[in-house]
Protein backbone atom coordinates (compact mmCIF):
# COMPACT_ATOMS: atom_id res chain seq x y z
CA MET A 1 -11.45 3.30 -0.79
CA LEU A 2 -13.62 1.02 1.34
CA LEU A 3 -16.94 0.07 -0.20
CA GLY A 4 -19.94 -1.97 0.80
CA LYS A 5 -21.96 -2.26 3.97
CA SER A 6 -20.29 -5.46 5.11
CA ARG A 7 -17.85 -5.09 7.98
CA SER A 8 -15.80 -8.08 6.88
CA VAL A 9 -13.13 -7.86 4.23
CA ARG A 10 -14.43 -10.98 2.48
CA GLY A 11 -17.91 -9.52 2.40
CA ARG A 12 -16.73 -6.30 0.75
CA ILE A 13 -14.57 -8.15 -1.78
CA ALA A 14 -17.47 -10.46 -2.61
CA ALA A 15 -19.73 -7.44 -3.11
CA ILE A 16 -17.22 -5.84 -5.50
CA LEU A 17 -16.77 -9.01 -7.57
CA VAL A 18 -20.51 -9.74 -7.67
CA ALA A 19 -21.29 -6.17 -8.72
CA ALA A 20 -18.63 -6.20 -11.45
CA THR A 21 -19.78 -9.58 -12.75
CA ALA A 22 -23.47 -8.63 -12.66
CA ILE A 23 -22.94 -5.34 -14.50
CA ALA A 24 -20.84 -7.03 -17.19
CA ALA A 25 -23.19 -10.01 -17.50
CA ILE A 26 -26.36 -7.95 -17.77
CA GLY A 27 -24.97 -5.04 -19.76
CA ALA A 28 -23.07 -7.13 -22.29
CA GLY A 29 -24.65 -10.57 -21.87
CA VAL A 30 -28.21 -9.54 -22.72
CA PRO A 31 -27.31 -7.85 -26.06
CA TRP A 32 -25.02 -10.77 -26.94
CA LEU A 33 -27.62 -13.41 -26.11
CA GLY A 34 -30.39 -11.55 -27.95
CA ALA A 35 -28.20 -11.25 -31.03
CA ARG A 36 -27.29 -14.95 -30.87
CA LEU A 37 -31.00 -15.82 -30.63
CA ARG A 38 -31.71 -13.41 -33.52
CA LEU A 39 -34.07 -11.35 -31.44
CA TRP A 40 -32.28 -8.31 -32.84
CA GLY A 41 -29.30 -7.60 -35.05
CA TRP A 42 -25.70 -8.18 -34.10
CA PRO A 43 -24.14 -5.02 -32.62
CA GLU A 44 -22.08 -3.14 -35.19
CA PRO A 45 -19.54 -0.43 -34.22
CA SER A 46 -20.53 1.63 -37.27
CA SER A 47 -24.30 1.50 -36.62
CA TRP A 48 -26.06 4.49 -35.09
CA TYR A 49 -26.32 2.84 -31.68
CA GLY A 50 -22.76 1.54 -31.97
CA VAL A 51 -21.51 5.09 -32.50
CA LEU A 52 -23.76 6.32 -29.68
CA LEU A 53 -22.35 3.72 -27.28
CA GLY A 54 -18.85 4.70 -28.38
CA LEU A 55 -19.56 8.35 -27.54
CA VAL A 56 -21.05 7.36 -24.18
CA GLY A 57 -18.03 5.16 -23.41
CA GLY A 58 -15.68 7.96 -24.43
CA ALA A 59 -17.48 10.42 -22.16
CA ILE A 60 -17.16 7.97 -19.25
CA VAL A 61 -13.44 7.55 -19.95
CA PHE A 62 -12.90 11.32 -19.89
CA PHE A 63 -14.80 11.52 -16.62
CA GLU A 64 -12.64 8.73 -15.20
CA MET A 65 -9.47 10.54 -16.25
CA ALA A 66 -10.71 13.76 -14.63
CA ILE A 67 -9.89 12.26 -11.23
CA TRP A 68 -6.21 13.14 -11.77
CA PRO A 69 -6.54 16.88 -12.54
CA ARG A 70 -9.20 17.05 -9.84
CA LYS A 71 -6.45 16.39 -7.27
CA TRP A 72 -4.84 19.69 -8.31
CA LEU A 73 -8.16 21.51 -7.74
CA ARG A 74 -9.21 19.81 -4.52
CA ARG A 75 -8.92 23.09 -2.63
CA LEU A 76 -12.02 24.23 -4.49
CA ARG A 77 -13.98 21.36 -2.91
CA LEU A 78 -16.19 20.95 -5.96
CA VAL A 79 -17.37 17.42 -5.10
CA PRO A 80 -16.56 15.47 -1.93
CA THR A 81 -13.76 12.97 -2.54
CA LYS A 82 -15.85 10.05 -1.28
CA ILE A 83 -18.66 10.75 -3.75
CA TRP A 84 -16.21 11.31 -6.61
CA MET A 85 -14.46 8.02 -5.93
CA ARG A 86 -17.74 6.14 -5.83
CA LEU A 87 -18.73 7.65 -9.18
CA HIS A 88 -15.28 6.79 -10.55
CA ILE A 89 -15.68 3.15 -9.52
CA TRP A 90 -19.27 2.62 -10.67
CA PHE A 91 -18.90 4.47 -13.97
CA GLY A 92 -15.76 2.43 -14.60
CA LEU A 93 -17.69 -0.81 -14.12
CA VAL A 94 -20.58 0.38 -16.29
CA CYS A 95 -18.16 1.40 -19.04
CA LEU A 96 -17.07 -2.22 -19.57
CA PRO A 97 -20.33 -3.54 -21.13
CA VAL A 98 -20.83 -0.25 -23.00
CA ILE A 99 -17.49 -0.64 -24.78
CA LEU A 100 -17.95 -4.38 -25.38
CA VAL A 101 -21.30 -3.82 -27.08
CA HIS A 102 -19.88 -0.85 -29.00
CA ALA A 103 -17.08 -3.10 -30.31
CA GLY A 104 -19.61 -5.73 -31.40
CA PHE A 105 -17.88 -8.23 -29.09
CA GLY A 106 -14.90 -8.23 -31.43
CA PHE A 107 -11.50 -6.61 -31.73
CA GLY A 108 -11.75 -5.17 -35.23
CA GLY A 109 -8.65 -3.71 -36.85
CA PRO A 110 -5.22 -3.31 -35.23
CA LEU A 111 -5.91 0.14 -33.74
CA SER A 112 -9.30 -0.73 -32.28
CA ALA A 113 -8.00 -4.11 -31.05
CA PHE A 114 -5.04 -2.49 -29.27
CA THR A 115 -7.31 0.15 -27.74
CA LEU A 116 -9.76 -2.50 -26.52
CA ILE A 117 -6.95 -4.58 -24.99
CA LEU A 118 -5.67 -1.51 -23.14
CA PHE A 119 -9.21 -0.80 -21.94
CA LEU A 120 -9.61 -4.34 -20.59
CA LEU A 121 -6.25 -4.10 -18.80
CA VAL A 122 -7.24 -0.76 -17.26
CA THR A 123 -10.53 -2.21 -16.03
CA ALA A 124 -8.86 -5.33 -14.61
CA SER A 125 -6.14 -3.31 -12.84
CA GLY A 126 -8.78 -0.98 -11.40
CA ILE A 127 -10.79 -3.87 -9.97
CA TRP A 128 -7.60 -5.43 -8.59
CA GLY A 129 -6.66 -2.14 -6.93
CA LEU A 130 -10.10 -1.86 -5.38
CA VAL A 131 -9.86 -5.40 -3.99
CA ILE A 132 -6.40 -4.69 -2.53
CA GLN A 133 -7.73 -1.58 -0.82
CA GLN A 134 -10.24 -3.75 1.02
CA MET A 135 -7.66 -6.30 2.18
CA LEU A 136 -4.49 -4.43 3.11
CA PRO A 137 -5.75 -1.65 5.45
CA GLU A 138 -7.35 -4.30 7.68
CA LYS A 139 -4.15 -6.34 7.62
CA LEU A 140 -2.15 -3.22 8.44
CA LEU A 141 -4.27 -2.47 11.50
CA ALA A 142 -4.07 -6.07 12.71
CA GLU A 143 -0.36 -6.74 12.22
CA VAL A 144 1.25 -3.32 12.65
CA PRO A 145 0.07 -1.93 16.01
CA GLY A 146 3.11 0.35 16.04
CA GLU A 147 2.23 1.92 12.67
CA THR A 148 3.80 5.28 11.93
CA VAL A 149 3.68 7.74 9.03
CA ALA A 150 5.30 5.93 6.10
CA SER A 151 7.36 8.92 5.02
CA GLN A 152 8.77 9.30 8.56
CA ILE A 153 9.91 5.70 9.06
CA GLU A 154 13.58 6.30 8.32
CA PHE A 155 13.66 9.47 10.43
CA VAL A 156 12.15 7.70 13.46
CA ALA A 157 14.48 4.75 12.80
CA ASP A 158 17.48 7.07 13.17
CA VAL A 159 16.05 8.31 16.48
CA HIS A 160 15.66 4.71 17.67
CA SER A 161 19.20 3.89 16.56
CA ALA A 162 20.54 6.75 18.65
CA GLU A 163 18.44 5.54 21.58
CA ALA A 164 19.89 2.03 21.25
CA MET A 165 23.41 3.48 21.27
CA ARG A 166 22.69 5.43 24.45
CA LEU A 167 21.06 2.48 26.20
CA VAL A 168 24.03 0.20 25.58
CA GLU A 169 26.44 2.92 26.67
CA SER A 170 24.49 3.32 29.89
CA LEU A 171 25.30 -0.32 30.68
CA THR A 172 28.91 -0.46 29.56
CA THR A 173 30.17 3.01 30.56
CA ALA A 174 31.14 4.09 34.05
CA PRO A 175 28.42 6.36 35.50
CA PRO A 176 29.15 10.11 35.71
CA GLU A 177 30.08 11.84 38.91
CA TYR A 178 27.12 12.96 40.97
CA ASP A 179 26.32 16.69 40.73
CA ALA A 180 23.75 17.99 43.18
CA PHE A 181 23.11 21.05 41.01
CA ASP A 182 22.21 19.05 37.91
CA PRO A 183 18.43 19.13 37.22
CA ARG A 184 18.59 15.36 36.88
CA ALA A 185 20.13 15.08 40.35
CA ALA A 186 17.77 12.41 41.67
CA GLN A 187 18.31 10.19 38.65
CA LEU A 188 22.07 10.75 38.54
CA GLN A 189 22.41 9.97 42.23
CA LYS A 190 21.07 6.48 41.62
CA VAL A 191 23.36 6.00 38.63
CA ALA A 192 26.45 7.35 40.37
CA ALA A 193 25.82 5.06 43.33
CA ARG A 194 26.89 2.12 41.17
CA GLY A 195 30.42 3.41 40.86
CA GLU A 196 31.15 1.10 37.90
CA PRO A 197 29.43 -0.10 34.71
CA LEU A 198 26.63 -2.64 35.07
CA VAL A 199 28.14 -4.80 32.31
CA THR A 200 31.90 -5.38 32.07
CA GLY A 201 34.35 -7.79 30.47
CA ASN A 202 33.28 -10.21 27.75
CA PRO A 203 29.53 -9.60 28.24
CA ALA A 204 30.12 -5.90 27.62
CA MET A 205 32.13 -6.62 24.48
CA GLU A 206 29.45 -9.02 23.18
CA LEU A 207 26.73 -6.47 23.92
CA MET A 208 28.55 -3.70 22.02
CA ARG A 209 29.31 -6.08 19.14
CA PHE A 210 25.63 -7.05 18.97
CA ARG A 211 24.67 -3.38 18.98
CA ASP A 212 27.12 -2.31 16.29
CA THR A 213 26.90 -5.28 13.90
CA VAL A 214 23.31 -6.50 14.33
CA LEU A 215 20.93 -4.15 16.11
CA VAL A 216 21.82 -0.68 14.85
CA PRO A 217 22.24 -1.72 11.16
CA PHE A 218 18.84 -3.40 11.38
CA LEU A 219 17.19 -0.36 12.98
CA ARG A 220 18.65 1.91 10.30
CA GLY A 221 17.45 -0.39 7.53
CA ASP A 222 20.95 -1.23 6.31
CA ALA A 223 20.58 -5.00 6.73
CA LYS A 224 16.88 -5.81 6.28
CA ARG A 225 17.28 -9.04 4.34
CA LYS A 226 20.46 -10.34 5.97
CA SER A 227 19.72 -9.43 9.58
CA PRO A 228 18.78 -12.24 12.00
CA LEU A 229 16.33 -9.76 13.55
CA ARG A 230 14.11 -9.67 10.45
CA THR A 231 12.12 -12.69 11.71
CA ARG A 232 10.36 -12.72 15.06
CA THR A 233 11.52 -16.24 16.01
CA GLU A 234 15.22 -15.61 15.41
CA SER A 235 14.99 -12.19 17.04
CA GLN A 236 13.48 -13.68 20.20
CA ARG A 237 16.22 -16.31 20.27
CA ARG A 238 19.01 -13.73 19.93
CA PHE A 239 17.58 -11.45 22.61
CA THR A 240 17.02 -14.39 24.96
CA LEU A 241 20.68 -15.35 24.64
CA LEU A 242 21.67 -11.73 25.17
CA ARG A 243 19.45 -11.41 28.24
CA ASP A 244 20.84 -14.61 29.76
CA SER A 245 24.42 -13.36 29.38
CA LEU A 246 23.78 -10.09 31.24
CA PRO A 247 22.96 -9.33 34.87
CA GLU A 248 19.31 -9.02 35.87
CA THR A 249 19.73 -5.28 36.35
CA ALA A 250 20.17 -4.96 32.57
CA THR A 251 16.87 -6.70 31.79
CA THR A 252 14.92 -3.47 31.36
CA VAL A 253 17.41 -2.13 28.81
CA VAL A 254 17.45 -5.39 26.84
CA ARG A 255 13.66 -5.43 26.81
CA ARG A 256 13.64 -1.92 25.33
CA LEU A 257 16.18 -2.92 22.68
CA GLU A 258 13.95 -5.84 21.75
CA GLU A 259 10.97 -3.47 21.47
CA LEU A 260 12.93 -1.24 19.10
CA ALA A 261 13.75 -4.23 16.89
CA ALA A 262 10.09 -5.32 16.91
CA LEU A 263 9.00 -1.83 15.85
CA ARG A 264 11.47 -1.90 12.95
CA ARG A 265 10.04 -5.26 11.80
CA GLN A 266 6.54 -3.82 11.91
CA TRP A 267 7.60 -0.79 9.88
CA ASP A 268 9.31 -2.96 7.26
CA PHE A 269 6.09 -4.94 6.96
CA GLN A 270 4.14 -1.66 6.76
CA SER A 271 6.39 -0.50 3.91
CA ARG A 272 5.74 -3.72 1.98
CA LEU A 273 2.00 -3.37 2.47
CA ASN A 274 2.09 0.26 1.36
CA LEU A 275 3.96 -0.80 -1.77
CA TRP A 276 1.18 -3.25 -2.61
CA LEU A 277 -1.50 -0.79 -1.55
CA HIS A 278 -0.32 1.94 -3.90
CA GLY A 279 1.86 0.02 -6.36
CA TRP A 280 -1.05 -1.03 -8.58
CA LEU A 281 -1.33 2.62 -9.66
CA ILE A 282 2.07 2.28 -11.32
CA LEU A 283 0.32 -0.04 -13.79
CA HIS A 284 -3.18 1.48 -13.76
CA LEU A 285 -2.26 5.11 -14.48
CA PRO A 286 0.10 4.61 -17.49
CA LEU A 287 -2.34 2.13 -19.02
CA SER A 288 -5.19 4.63 -18.54
CA ILE A 289 -3.23 7.43 -20.21
CA ALA A 290 -2.21 5.22 -23.11
CA MET A 291 -5.72 3.87 -23.55
CA THR A 292 -7.23 7.37 -23.55
CA GLY A 293 -4.76 8.54 -26.19
CA PHE A 294 -5.43 5.60 -28.49
CA MET A 295 -9.18 5.97 -27.87
CA VAL A 296 -9.08 9.56 -29.14
CA ILE A 297 -7.15 8.51 -32.26
CA HIS A 298 -9.59 5.63 -32.82
CA ALA A 299 -12.62 7.91 -32.40
CA VAL A 300 -11.28 10.58 -34.78
CA ARG A 301 -10.51 8.03 -37.47
CA ALA A 302 -13.85 6.24 -37.03
CA LEU A 303 -15.94 9.43 -37.18
CA LYS A 304 -13.92 10.66 -40.15
CA TYR A 305 -14.98 7.69 -42.24
CA TRP A 306 -18.44 7.14 -40.70
């Protein structure tokens, strides 16, 4: 969710952090400072306004949690997603000072303390997730020009692996006999004119060994961490050595093999960015559910004895 009018990532992140700090400082700082200066009484959770702030904070929390069931009802198009997300973010920031003042800037008993800690963790993880969503999409566009659908990476990788196998075979296998009735007649005529493989002997063996032990396992994702192709520098070195050992007529094929390896590196980087981009929800969502549950228990017990 990209926010702010600034086109730069730093500008948007600065806007988020300034807004969060300002809301917390004004919403919670003013009541705290006034109480310290004895301009008014210290906030008490059991006072009428303390209970009122608790009810307001609880209502905001329930609204925040409604974003999850809303995904199941998005076909109804009740509220545009962009507007709902903006409300989710801003209400979440406003809820922080509301709950702090409601708690009287203290933790209270074990139940209220645990609930408040969960609430602070939820707020912090939400802000962190929002910051990440400003940084990573820009980085993805800049460093992964060959981006593909994340769920299709392994499928496309298998297609590229098969292509690499065919390309190497086209260099190391004797060309087929020319057939004038084949729809690929013009192309096959050029291939058949060679009469023998483009690459033979030790260079052919080295090329097939490179394909089977280095390139194809890397393209399929079987050797991401151990493969010499995982870094651009080492990959360029290996392909340069390979290119120098083969005839010039094989340059086009080697260049394509290098492109396939580069695409796989980009997709691995894309996968890591996607993990960071969406991984914060693994922390944010369980904490939110736990916090909401303890908040309900805390509210029922507090109102029971109020």
